[in-house]
């Protein structure tokens, strides 16, 4: 296995506007990278350049010491020792599960006991050994996805590429398949790159998350790091359900603020008495503490409830401050739209 290196990748389809631009990334060997971003940001184009289905307009793709592609040349997909899982599964309906999984081996001329052993081992890893003789039509959506994973694994690829493979599954099946993907990664040891626009998938699955917007890479970090310390408004807005508010700027390099620092900043901003430079601050809903109407007069920050969404175990609130800025919060108790509340903010992150 070798490290995958993307060096200043760019792709222009001749429209005059680059779909991907200046994209540089080292994918750690054996890691699970989620490529996260909104639809149309270029993440699938990056995946297709890695796979060999698209040739870069600029930059290069390397696997260890091997040059896979640059603007002048591109190694064909079948010579890259990579495997790809598509959103549509791409299984042959007339073949059995075992034949679908073993097809890449047949293409490579592998047969006999070696063929049967590899197919059996691959099906064992995704826990489908007893379904070997069934047809895809006899399987559930999650089982078909596992067949596609086994077909990837059977050739011992250096890199497994996954293009929104859970997009067609319902919520409960998604959670089940997330467990399958994590197990698959641990058992196979392959480097995996997972394209998704769903941040919950990225956070649940990946060892590293790379956030894209408008063809550019904005930040790469572990899920916990990128959630707690996003860089800039775009990443802060894409990751999590936080709100970005503008407060009076504090001098210095400190970026993590706690309640004693935040209270006077919010008080000044909401009252309209603050002046001078401003800063953007990300506030997560779990860091907004909501109090009822019985809170002592003047205590906490006044807010009005703009909307309420019941999520089963809690209520998700959208709150409007006196100056029109919005915050999000959670409450364990019923709250009505239009209610007046008092709140405090215990932590925030400067973008």
Foldseek 3Di string as FASTA:
>chain_A
DFKKWWAQFWADPPPPAILAGGATDIQDQLFAEEEAEDPSQCPVVVLCCQQQVDATCATFIDGHPRTQHGNVDHNHNVPQLEAEAEQVLPFDQVAFLLCRLLVVVVVVVDDDPLSVVLSCVLCVLLVNNVRRGHGPVVDDLLVSSSSSLSSRLSSLGQEYEYEPNCPPDDDVSLVVVLVSLQSSSVVSSHYYYHYDNDQVSRLSRGQKYFYTGNNYTQDIDGSVCLQAAPDDDVSLVSHADWFKDKWQDDDDDDFKDFFVVVVVRLVCVLVVNDDDDIFIKIAHQAQKFWDAPPPPPPPAFKWFWADWDDPPQWIWTWIAGNVGGIGIYIGRDDDDHGGIIGITGGMIGTD
